[in-house]
Amino acid sequence: MRHSTDDRNARLRRPAGVHTVQLGDIRVSYVPDGVTRLKPQVALPDTTDAVWDAHPEYLDESGSLVASIGGLLVENGDRALLIDAGFGPRSWPPGAIHGGALVDSLNELGRRPEEIEAVAFTHLHPDHTGWAWLPAPGTDRPAFARADYLLSGPEWARRDLLGAQEAAVLSPRVRTVDDGQEIFPGVRMRITGGHSPGHAEYVITSGGQRLIAFGDALISPIQVEHPHWSSSFDHDPATLAAHRHRLIAQLAAPDTLGFGMHFADVVFGHIRQDGDHPTWHPWDADA
């Protein structure tokens, strides 16, 4: 069924539910954990009131830019990898950002946390690491009891930016990964930097198709049309802006999907040329 413009606009204003895409032998699923609602000009400081007046479809009833929080489950046969681990079972400050749904979302997808063989992080910001170090409710341990934690070397080299407790919990299980290294069948890390010192993306290839899980290189679909707009959370805005231009060109290639962790309820999509500029189209918009 072809989705209407009204339906797409509604999805831009709400957090994502569970979504699954099949790529050859690999199944990838968005695993919701929670949501944050951002003041649009705080999230994207190069924007103006006029920008958001022209694009009300991105803002909820409170005038906030909605950003999903969660992880990407990658399954190949009986093996399972998780990319990013949400914010965890907490809220900070009350109502502004909250998590807690990720384990229930995994159960909905038929996976228990102890079946995850590795958690691969795009970066070490708290909305991507929560369930990897915070105690799961009712326990004194994180949820992923058997998982290695995979990070780029440059990202782990700046673990001094973490809180002491978080670093202490993560450290014994961390394994650093080199640029281009395969971490799971069909999944390779590529180190981009920009958003954080060692920010990484994950390229998933199977069945003649490619998915790029680009972490926080883009935090909203509106940046696809305006790749020079950096977020206020970017470590090196100039480096990341240059990378975004390359990334958008890659996402426009045939048989390529993107995964934007924070992209409201359009986390999976591809890029099409819309007049004289590229735009983000949900992967199921023409299904």
C-alpha atoms as a PDB file:
ATOM      1  CA  MET A   1       0.000   0.000   0.000  1.00  0.00           C
ATOM      2  CA  ARG A   2       1.382   3.427  -0.918  1.00  0.00           C
ATOM      3  CA  HIS A   3       1.705   5.663   2.114  1.00  0.00           C
ATOM      4  CA  SER A   4       0.235   9.157   1.924  1.00  0.00           C
ATOM      5  CA  THR A   5       2.101  12.383   2.593  1.00  0.00           C
ATOM      6  CA  ASP A   6      -0.005  12.839   5.743  1.00  0.00           C
ATOM      7  CA  ASP A   7       1.074   9.428   6.979  1.00  0.00           C
ATOM      8  CA  ARG A   8       4.750  10.184   6.331  1.00  0.00           C
ATOM      9  CA  ASN A   9       4.447  13.516   8.129  1.00  0.00           C
ATOM     10  CA  ALA A  10       2.822  11.831  11.127  1.00  0.00           C
ATOM     11  CA  ARG A  11       5.739   9.399  11.277  1.00  0.00           C
ATOM     12  CA  LEU A  12       8.221  12.292  11.395  1.00  0.00           C
ATOM     13  CA  ARG A  13       6.599  13.433  14.653  1.00  0.00           C
ATOM     14  CA  ARG A  14       6.508  10.170  16.598  1.00  0.00           C
ATOM     15  CA  PRO A  15       9.126   7.735  17.923  1.00  0.00           C
ATOM     16  CA  ALA A  16       9.692   4.525  15.988  1.00  0.00           C
ATOM     17  CA  GLY A  17       8.214   1.166  16.776  1.00  0.00           C
ATOM     18  CA  VAL A  18       9.749  -2.180  15.846  1.00  0.00           C
ATOM     19  CA  HIS A  19      10.634  -2.377  12.142  1.00  0.00           C
ATOM     20  CA  THR A  20      12.336  -5.245  10.297  1.00  0.00           C
ATOM     21  CA  VAL A  21      14.068  -5.405   6.911  1.00  0.00           C
ATOM     22  CA  GLN A  22      15.411  -8.530   5.189  1.00  0.00           C
ATOM     23  CA  LEU A  23      18.731  -8.223   3.334  1.00  0.00           C
ATOM     24  CA  GLY A  24      19.489 -11.570   1.732  1.00  0.00           C
ATOM     25  CA  ASP A  25      20.414 -13.915   4.589  1.00  0.00           C
ATOM     26  CA  ILE A  26      20.522 -11.102   7.160  1.00  0.00           C
ATOM     27  CA  ARG A  27      17.564  -9.734   9.059  1.00  0.00           C
ATOM     28  CA  VAL A  28      17.912  -6.263  10.587  1.00  0.00           C
ATOM     29  CA  SER A  29      15.418  -4.837  13.067  1.00  0.00           C
ATOM     30  CA  TYR A  30      15.063  -1.544  14.861  1.00  0.00           C
ATOM     31  CA  VAL A  31      14.787  -2.216  18.603  1.00  0.00           C
ATOM     32  CA  PRO A  32      13.052   0.698  20.343  1.00  0.00           C
ATOM     33  CA  ASP A  33      14.234   1.805  23.784  1.00  0.00           C
ATOM     34  CA  GLY A  34      12.747   5.275  24.207  1.00  0.00           C
ATOM     35  CA  VAL A  35      12.621   8.811  22.914  1.00  0.00           C
ATOM     36  CA  THR A  36      13.998  12.276  23.384  1.00  0.00           C
ATOM     37  CA  ARG A  37      12.337  15.508  22.365  1.00  0.00           C
ATOM     38  CA  LEU A  38      14.727  18.275  21.375  1.00  0.00           C
ATOM     39  CA  LYS A  39      14.323  21.986  20.875  1.00  0.00           C
ATOM     40  CA  PRO A  40      14.934  22.193  17.129  1.00  0.00           C
ATOM     41  CA  GLN A  41      17.345  25.132  17.188  1.00  0.00           C
ATOM     42  CA  VAL A  42      19.277  23.551  20.045  1.00  0.00           C
ATOM     43  CA  ALA A  43      19.584  20.266  18.140  1.00  0.00           C
ATOM     44  CA  LEU A  44      20.478  21.989  14.849  1.00  0.00           C
ATOM     45  CA  PRO A  45      21.828  25.445  15.722  1.00  0.00           C
ATOM     46  CA  ASP A  46      22.300  26.527  12.086  1.00  0.00           C
ATOM     47  CA  THR A  47      18.539  26.501  11.582  1.00  0.00           C
ATOM     48  CA  THR A  48      16.164  29.412  12.124  1.00  0.00           C
ATOM     49  CA  ASP A  49      12.547  29.958  13.073  1.00  0.00           C
ATOM     50  CA  ALA A  50      11.825  30.388   9.375  1.00  0.00           C
ATOM     51  CA  VAL A  51      13.176  26.884   8.626  1.00  0.00           C
ATOM     52  CA  TRP A  52      10.839  25.257  11.110  1.00  0.00           C
ATOM     53  CA  ASP A  53       7.891  27.447  10.098  1.00  0.00           C
ATOM     54  CA  ALA A  54       8.406  26.036   6.597  1.00  0.00           C
ATOM     55  CA  HIS A  55       8.716  22.445   7.873  1.00  0.00           C
ATOM     56  CA  PRO A  56       6.134  21.940  10.645  1.00  0.00           C
ATOM     57  CA  GLU A  57       5.923  18.254   9.711  1.00  0.00           C
ATOM     58  CA  TYR A  58       9.089  17.603  11.749  1.00  0.00           C
ATOM     59  CA  LEU A  59       7.770  19.063  15.017  1.00  0.00           C
ATOM     60  CA  ASP A  60       5.325  17.533  17.479  1.00  0.00           C
ATOM     61  CA  GLU A  61       2.531  19.400  19.237  1.00  0.00           C
ATOM     62  CA  SER A  62       5.021  20.873  21.729  1.00  0.00           C
ATOM     63  CA  GLY A  63       7.234  22.217  18.937  1.00  0.00           C
ATOM     64  CA  SER A  64       9.922  19.603  19.624  1.00  0.00           C
ATOM     65  CA  LEU A  65      12.030  17.588  17.209  1.00  0.00           C
ATOM     66  CA  VAL A  66      11.336  13.930  18.037  1.00  0.00           C
ATOM     67  CA  ALA A  67      14.326  11.579  18.112  1.00  0.00           C
ATOM     68  CA  SER A  68      13.998   7.826  18.579  1.00  0.00           C
ATOM     69  CA  ILE A  69      16.417   5.978  20.851  1.00  0.00           C
ATOM     70  CA  GLY A  70      17.201   2.279  20.534  1.00  0.00           C
ATOM     71  CA  GLY A  71      19.421  -0.277  18.844  1.00  0.00           C
ATOM     72  CA  LEU A  72      19.756  -2.247  15.613  1.00  0.00           C
ATOM     73  CA  LEU A  73      19.447  -6.020  15.887  1.00  0.00           C
ATOM     74  CA  VAL A  74      21.371  -7.896  13.191  1.00  0.00           C
ATOM     75  CA  GLU A  75      20.539 -11.614  12.821  1.00  0.00           C
ATOM     76  CA  ASN A  76      22.204 -14.192  10.608  1.00  0.00           C
ATOM     77  CA  GLY A  77      20.816 -17.657  11.252  1.00  0.00           C
ATOM     78  CA  ASP A  78      20.989 -18.308  14.989  1.00  0.00           C
ATOM     79  CA  ARG A  79      23.587 -15.579  15.567  1.00  0.00           C
ATOM     80  CA  ALA A  80      22.699 -12.094  16.801  1.00  0.00           C
ATOM     81  CA  LEU A  81      24.568  -8.782  17.013  1.00  0.00           C
ATOM     82  CA  LEU A  82      23.231  -5.555  18.500  1.00  0.00           C
ATOM     83  CA  ILE A  83      24.418  -2.158  17.274  1.00  0.00           C
ATOM     84  CA  ASP A  84      24.048   0.386  20.101  1.00  0.00           C
ATOM     85  CA  ALA A  85      22.283  -0.191  23.398  1.00  0.00           C
ATOM     86  CA  GLY A  86      19.858   2.664  23.950  1.00  0.00           C
ATOM     87  CA  PHE A  87      19.618   4.952  26.965  1.00  0.00           C
ATOM     88  CA  GLY A  88      18.745   2.231  29.442  1.00  0.00           C
ATOM     89  CA  PRO A  89      16.083   1.992  32.147  1.00  0.00           C
ATOM     90  CA  ARG A  90      16.170   5.626  33.281  1.00  0.00           C
ATOM     91  CA  SER A  91      14.905   9.108  32.502  1.00  0.00           C
ATOM     92  CA  TRP A  92      16.888  12.354  32.538  1.00  0.00           C
ATOM     93  CA  PRO A  93      15.836  14.982  33.225  1.00  0.00           C
ATOM     94  CA  PRO A  94      12.310  13.737  33.852  1.00  0.00           C
ATOM     95  CA  GLY A  95      10.559  13.428  30.518  1.00  0.00           C
ATOM     96  CA  ALA A  96      13.252  15.002  28.290  1.00  0.00           C
ATOM     97  CA  ILE A  97      14.997  11.734  27.449  1.00  0.00           C
ATOM     98  CA  HIS A  98      13.958   8.309  28.614  1.00  0.00           C
ATOM     99  CA  GLY A  99      14.610   4.676  27.827  1.00  0.00           C
ATOM    100  CA  GLY A 100      13.717   1.314  29.240  1.00  0.00           C
ATOM    101  CA  ALA A 101      11.927  -0.550  26.445  1.00  0.00           C
ATOM    102  CA  LEU A 102      14.869  -2.216  24.686  1.00  0.00           C
ATOM    103  CA  VAL A 103      14.760  -5.621  26.404  1.00  0.00           C
ATOM    104  CA  ASP A 104      11.003  -5.865  25.908  1.00  0.00           C
ATOM    105  CA  SER A 105      11.512  -4.901  22.255  1.00  0.00           C
ATOM    106  CA  LEU A 106      14.103  -7.669  21.861  1.00  0.00           C
ATOM    107  CA  ASN A 107      11.631 -10.134  23.357  1.00  0.00           C
ATOM    108  CA  GLU A 108       9.031  -8.970  20.843  1.00  0.00           C
ATOM    109  CA  LEU A 109      11.559  -9.856  18.127  1.00  0.00           C
ATOM    110  CA  GLY A 110      12.136 -13.301  19.652  1.00  0.00           C
ATOM    111  CA  ARG A 111      15.588 -12.598  21.133  1.00  0.00           C
ATOM    112  CA  ARG A 112      16.763 -12.740  24.733  1.00  0.00           C
ATOM    113  CA  PRO A 113      19.604 -10.440  25.844  1.00  0.00           C
ATOM    114  CA  GLU A 114      21.828 -13.418  26.656  1.00  0.00           C
ATOM    115  CA  GLU A 115      21.634 -14.491  22.981  1.00  0.00           C
ATOM    116  CA  ILE A 116      23.419 -11.315  21.853  1.00  0.00           C
ATOM    117  CA  GLU A 117      27.025 -12.286  21.105  1.00  0.00           C
ATOM    118  CA  ALA A 118      28.314  -8.735  20.771  1.00  0.00           C
ATOM    119  CA  VAL A 119      27.176  -5.155  21.182  1.00  0.00           C
ATOM    120  CA  ALA A 120      28.864  -2.881  18.623  1.00  0.00           C
ATOM    121  CA  PHE A 121      28.752   0.821  19.425  1.00  0.00           C
ATOM    122  CA  THR A 122      28.728   3.676  16.970  1.00  0.00           C
ATOM    123  CA  HIS A 123      30.047   5.870  19.799  1.00  0.00           C
ATOM    124  CA  LEU A 124      30.009   6.305  23.558  1.00  0.00           C
ATOM    125  CA  HIS A 125      27.301   8.903  24.086  1.00  0.00           C
ATOM    126  CA  PRO A 126      24.866   7.916  26.856  1.00  0.00           C
ATOM    127  CA  ASP A 127      21.870   7.378  24.572  1.00  0.00           C
ATOM    128  CA  HIS A 128      23.840   4.590  22.836  1.00  0.00           C
ATOM    129  CA  THR A 129      25.425   2.760  25.791  1.00  0.00           C
ATOM    130  CA  GLY A 130      22.758   2.601  28.498  1.00  0.00           C
ATOM    131  CA  TRP A 131      21.833  -1.082  28.639  1.00  0.00           C
ATOM    132  CA  ALA A 132      25.509  -2.071  28.287  1.00  0.00           C
ATOM    133  CA  TRP A 133      26.510  -0.679  31.672  1.00  0.00           C
ATOM    134  CA  LEU A 134      23.436   0.163  33.749  1.00  0.00           C
ATOM    135  CA  PRO A 135      21.987  -2.680  35.841  1.00  0.00           C
ATOM    136  CA  ALA A 136      18.955  -4.271  34.270  1.00  0.00           C
ATOM    137  CA  PRO A 137      15.866  -3.825  36.478  1.00  0.00           C
ATOM    138  CA  GLY A 138      15.772  -6.353  39.286  1.00  0.00           C
ATOM    139  CA  THR A 139      19.456  -7.309  38.870  1.00  0.00           C
ATOM    140  CA  ASP A 140      22.892  -5.955  39.681  1.00  0.00           C
ATOM    141  CA  ARG A 141      24.280  -6.555  36.157  1.00  0.00           C
ATOM    142  CA  PRO A 142      23.812  -5.140  32.660  1.00  0.00           C
ATOM    143  CA  ALA A 143      21.456  -7.007  30.362  1.00  0.00           C
ATOM    144  CA  PHE A 144      23.985  -8.482  27.906  1.00  0.00           C
ATOM    145  CA  ALA A 145      25.701 -11.026  30.126  1.00  0.00           C
ATOM    146  CA  ARG A 146      27.577 -12.874  27.340  1.00  0.00           C
ATOM    147  CA  ALA A 147      28.351 -10.090  24.889  1.00  0.00           C
ATOM    148  CA  ASP A 148      31.658  -8.550  23.902  1.00  0.00           C
ATOM    149  CA  TYR A 149      31.565  -4.779  23.501  1.00  0.00           C
ATOM    150  CA  LEU A 150      33.012  -3.601  20.181  1.00  0.00           C
ATOM    151  CA  LEU A 151      34.301  -0.076  19.609  1.00  0.00           C
ATOM    152  CA  SER A 152      36.638   1.761  17.299  1.00  0.00           C
ATOM    153  CA  GLY A 153      40.099   2.244  18.738  1.00  0.00           C
ATOM    154  CA  PRO A 154      39.934   6.066  18.547  1.00  0.00           C
ATOM    155  CA  GLU A 155      36.605   6.092  20.391  1.00  0.00           C
ATOM    156  CA  TRP A 156      37.852   3.891  23.218  1.00  0.00           C
ATOM    157  CA  ALA A 157      41.026   5.967  23.475  1.00  0.00           C
ATOM    158  CA  ARG A 158      38.808   8.811  24.716  1.00  0.00           C
ATOM    159  CA  ARG A 159      37.085   6.784  27.446  1.00  0.00           C
ATOM    160  CA  ASP A 160      38.236   9.524  29.822  1.00  0.00           C
ATOM    161  CA  LEU A 161      35.106  11.349  28.625  1.00  0.00           C
ATOM    162  CA  LEU A 162      32.954   8.681  30.307  1.00  0.00           C
ATOM    163  CA  GLY A 163      31.859   8.671  33.910  1.00  0.00           C
ATOM    164  CA  ALA A 164      34.023   6.551  36.198  1.00  0.00           C
ATOM    165  CA  GLN A 165      31.319   3.953  36.856  1.00  0.00           C
ATOM    166  CA  GLU A 166      30.443   3.563  33.183  1.00  0.00           C
ATOM    167  CA  ALA A 167      34.087   3.132  32.184  1.00  0.00           C
ATOM    168  CA  ALA A 168      34.672   0.582  34.938  1.00  0.00           C
ATOM    169  CA  VAL A 169      31.728  -1.565  33.827  1.00  0.00           C
ATOM    170  CA  LEU A 170      32.525  -1.395  30.118  1.00  0.00           C
ATOM    171  CA  SER A 171      36.313  -1.848  30.297  1.00  0.00           C
ATOM    172  CA  PRO A 172      36.611  -5.592  30.991  1.00  0.00           C
ATOM    173  CA  ARG A 173      34.456  -6.465  27.990  1.00  0.00           C
ATOM    174  CA  VAL A 174      35.651  -3.981  25.378  1.00  0.00           C
ATOM    175  CA  ARG A 175      37.363  -5.175  22.210  1.00  0.00           C
ATOM    176  CA  THR A 176      38.568  -2.487  19.820  1.00  0.00           C
ATOM    177  CA  VAL A 177      38.012  -2.843  16.085  1.00  0.00           C
ATOM    178  CA  ASP A 178      39.995  -1.481  13.141  1.00  0.00           C
ATOM    179  CA  ASP A 179      38.557   0.468  10.232  1.00  0.00           C
ATOM    180  CA  GLY A 180      37.115  -1.937   7.647  1.00  0.00           C
ATOM    181  CA  GLN A 181      37.203  -4.964   9.945  1.00  0.00           C
ATOM    182  CA  GLU A 182      34.368  -7.502   9.706  1.00  0.00           C
ATOM    183  CA  ILE A 183      32.780  -7.908  13.132  1.00  0.00           C
ATOM    184  CA  PHE A 184      29.937 -10.292  12.222  1.00  0.00           C
ATOM    185  CA  PRO A 185      29.053 -12.120   8.995  1.00  0.00           C
ATOM    186  CA  GLY A 186      28.295  -9.390   6.461  1.00  0.00           C
ATOM    187  CA  VAL A 187      28.963  -6.487   8.876  1.00  0.00           C
ATOM    188  CA  ARG A 188      31.998  -4.204   8.706  1.00  0.00           C
ATOM    189  CA  MET A 189      32.945  -1.186  10.792  1.00  0.00           C
ATOM    190  CA  ARG A 190      34.120   2.007   9.177  1.00  0.00           C
ATOM    191  CA  ILE A 191      35.498   4.804  11.318  1.00  0.00           C
ATOM    192  CA  THR A 192      34.353   8.295  10.399  1.00  0.00           C
ATOM    193  CA  GLY A 193      34.922  10.493  13.436  1.00  0.00           C
ATOM    194  CA  GLY A 194      33.188  13.850  13.443  1.00  0.00           C
ATOM    195  CA  HIS A 195      30.292  13.289  15.804  1.00  0.00           C
ATOM    196  CA  SER A 196      32.661  11.895  18.427  1.00  0.00           C
ATOM    197  CA  PRO A 197      36.430  11.257  18.393  1.00  0.00           C
ATOM    198  CA  GLY A 198      36.061   7.754  16.959  1.00  0.00           C
ATOM    199  CA  HIS A 199      32.472   7.638  15.725  1.00  0.00           C
ATOM    200  CA  ALA A 200      31.839   4.544  13.597  1.00  0.00           C
ATOM    201  CA  GLU A 201      29.316   3.416  11.030  1.00  0.00           C
ATOM    202  CA  TYR A 202      28.423  -0.177  10.198  1.00  0.00           C
ATOM    203  CA  VAL A 203      28.001  -1.396   6.626  1.00  0.00           C
ATOM    204  CA  ILE A 204      25.837  -4.504   6.307  1.00  0.00           C
ATOM    205  CA  THR A 205      25.940  -6.405   3.004  1.00  0.00           C
ATOM    206  CA  SER A 206      23.943  -9.461   1.930  1.00  0.00           C
ATOM    207  CA  GLY A 207      21.985 -10.658  -1.082  1.00  0.00           C
ATOM    208  CA  GLY A 208      23.270  -7.892  -3.330  1.00  0.00           C
ATOM    209  CA  GLN A 209      21.962  -5.235  -0.959  1.00  0.00           C
ATOM    210  CA  ARG A 210      23.727  -2.844   1.380  1.00  0.00           C
ATOM    211  CA  LEU A 211      22.582  -1.075   4.539  1.00  0.00           C
ATOM    212  CA  ILE A 212      24.598   1.717   6.140  1.00  0.00           C
ATOM    213  CA  ALA A 213      23.904   2.198   9.859  1.00  0.00           C
ATOM    214  CA  PHE A 214      25.292   5.703  10.138  1.00  0.00           C
ATOM    215  CA  GLY A 215      24.860   6.394  13.841  1.00  0.00           C
ATOM    216  CA  ASP A 216      24.686  10.105  14.610  1.00  0.00           C
ATOM    217  CA  ALA A 217      26.269  11.341  11.395  1.00  0.00           C
ATOM    218  CA  LEU A 218      22.693  12.476  10.758  1.00  0.00           C
ATOM    219  CA  ILE A 219      20.219  12.939  13.610  1.00  0.00           C
ATOM    220  CA  SER A 220      17.200  14.065  11.550  1.00  0.00           C
ATOM    221  CA  PRO A 221      16.000  13.445   7.982  1.00  0.00           C
ATOM    222  CA  ILE A 222      15.944  17.208   7.404  1.00  0.00           C
ATOM    223  CA  GLN A 223      19.772  17.129   7.306  1.00  0.00           C
ATOM    224  CA  VAL A 224      19.678  15.035   4.128  1.00  0.00           C
ATOM    225  CA  GLU A 225      18.510  18.128   2.272  1.00  0.00           C
ATOM    226  CA  HIS A 226      20.925  20.325   4.259  1.00  0.00           C
ATOM    227  CA  PRO A 227      24.099  18.314   4.981  1.00  0.00           C
ATOM    228  CA  HIS A 228      25.970  21.444   6.071  1.00  0.00           C
ATOM    229  CA  TRP A 229      23.725  21.654   9.154  1.00  0.00           C
ATOM    230  CA  SER A 230      25.628  20.126  12.060  1.00  0.00           C
ATOM    231  CA  SER A 231      24.079  19.160  15.369  1.00  0.00           C
ATOM    232  CA  SER A 232      25.032  20.787  18.631  1.00  0.00           C
ATOM    233  CA  PHE A 233      26.343  17.394  19.788  1.00  0.00           C
ATOM    234  CA  ASP A 234      29.020  17.069  17.071  1.00  0.00           C
ATOM    235  CA  HIS A 235      32.638  16.875  18.236  1.00  0.00           C
ATOM    236  CA  ASP A 236      34.137  18.124  14.948  1.00  0.00           C
ATOM    237  CA  PRO A 237      31.390  19.772  12.864  1.00  0.00           C
ATOM    238  CA  ALA A 238      33.558  20.542   9.824  1.00  0.00           C
ATOM    239  CA  THR A 239      34.813  16.967   9.506  1.00  0.00           C
ATOM    240  CA  LEU A 240      31.334  15.563   9.925  1.00  0.00           C
ATOM    241  CA  ALA A 241      29.743  17.985   7.445  1.00  0.00           C
ATOM    242  CA  ALA A 242      32.237  16.863   4.797  1.00  0.00           C
ATOM    243  CA  HIS A 243      31.485  13.227   5.610  1.00  0.00           C
ATOM    244  CA  ARG A 244      27.727  13.810   5.422  1.00  0.00           C
ATOM    245  CA  HIS A 245      28.039  14.929   1.800  1.00  0.00           C
ATOM    246  CA  ARG A 246      29.846  11.666   0.952  1.00  0.00           C
ATOM    247  CA  LEU A 247      27.413   9.595   2.999  1.00  0.00           C
ATOM    248  CA  ILE A 248      24.362  11.067   1.296  1.00  0.00           C
ATOM    249  CA  ALA A 249      25.851  10.230  -2.111  1.00  0.00           C
ATOM    250  CA  GLN A 250      26.439   6.640  -0.948  1.00  0.00           C
ATOM    251  CA  LEU A 251      22.884   6.338   0.372  1.00  0.00           C
ATOM    252  CA  ALA A 252      21.559   7.405  -3.028  1.00  0.00           C
ATOM    253  CA  ALA A 253      23.281   4.468  -4.730  1.00  0.00           C
ATOM    254  CA  PRO A 254      21.175   1.556  -6.061  1.00  0.00           C
ATOM    255  CA  ASP A 255      20.356  -1.294  -3.660  1.00  0.00           C
ATOM    256  CA  THR A 256      21.389   0.808  -0.653  1.00  0.00           C
ATOM    257  CA  LEU A 257      19.365   1.500   2.485  1.00  0.00           C
ATOM    258  CA  GLY A 258      20.218   3.728   5.403  1.00  0.00           C
ATOM    259  CA  PHE A 259      19.489   3.328   9.083  1.00  0.00           C
ATOM    260  CA  GLY A 260      19.157   6.503  11.144  1.00  0.00           C
ATOM    261  CA  MET A 261      18.902   5.642  14.825  1.00  0.00           C
ATOM    262  CA  HIS A 262      17.258   8.941  15.756  1.00  0.00           C
ATOM    263  CA  PHE A 263      15.047   9.369  12.673  1.00  0.00           C
ATOM    264  CA  ALA A 264      11.659   9.412  14.432  1.00  0.00           C
ATOM    265  CA  ASP A 265       9.473   6.661  12.884  1.00  0.00           C
ATOM    266  CA  VAL A 266      11.369   6.569   9.565  1.00  0.00           C
ATOM    267  CA  VAL A 267      14.563   4.884  10.787  1.00  0.00           C
ATOM    268  CA  PHE A 268      15.008   2.796   7.613  1.00  0.00           C
ATOM    269  CA  GLY A 269      15.081   4.641   4.313  1.00  0.00           C
ATOM    270  CA  HIS A 270      16.836   5.517   1.112  1.00  0.00           C
ATOM    271  CA  ILE A 271      17.680   8.759  -0.611  1.00  0.00           C
ATOM    272  CA  ARG A 272      16.021  10.007  -3.760  1.00  0.00           C
ATOM    273  CA  GLN A 273      16.541  13.151  -5.733  1.00  0.00           C
ATOM    274  CA  ASP A 274      13.526  15.403  -5.228  1.00  0.00           C
ATOM    275  CA  GLY A 275      13.859  18.244  -7.684  1.00  0.00           C
ATOM    276  CA  ASP A 276      17.243  19.836  -7.082  1.00  0.00           C
ATOM    277  CA  HIS A 277      17.924  18.285  -3.683  1.00  0.00           C
ATOM    278  CA  PRO A 278      18.096  14.825  -2.075  1.00  0.00           C
ATOM    279  CA  THR A 279      15.403  13.703   0.369  1.00  0.00           C
ATOM    280  CA  TRP A 280      14.907  10.809   2.779  1.00  0.00           C
ATOM    281  CA  HIS A 281      12.211   8.311   1.810  1.00  0.00           C
ATOM    282  CA  PRO A 282      11.043   5.618   4.270  1.00  0.00           C
ATOM    283  CA  TRP A 283      11.945   2.174   2.949  1.00  0.00           C
ATOM    284  CA  ASP A 284       8.328   0.983   3.109  1.00  0.00           C
ATOM    285  CA  ALA A 285       6.752   4.138   1.648  1.00  0.00           C
ATOM    286  CA  ASP A 286       6.055   2.484  -1.701  1.00  0.00           C
ATOM    287  CA  ALA A 287       5.379  -1.022  -0.381  1.00  0.00           C
END
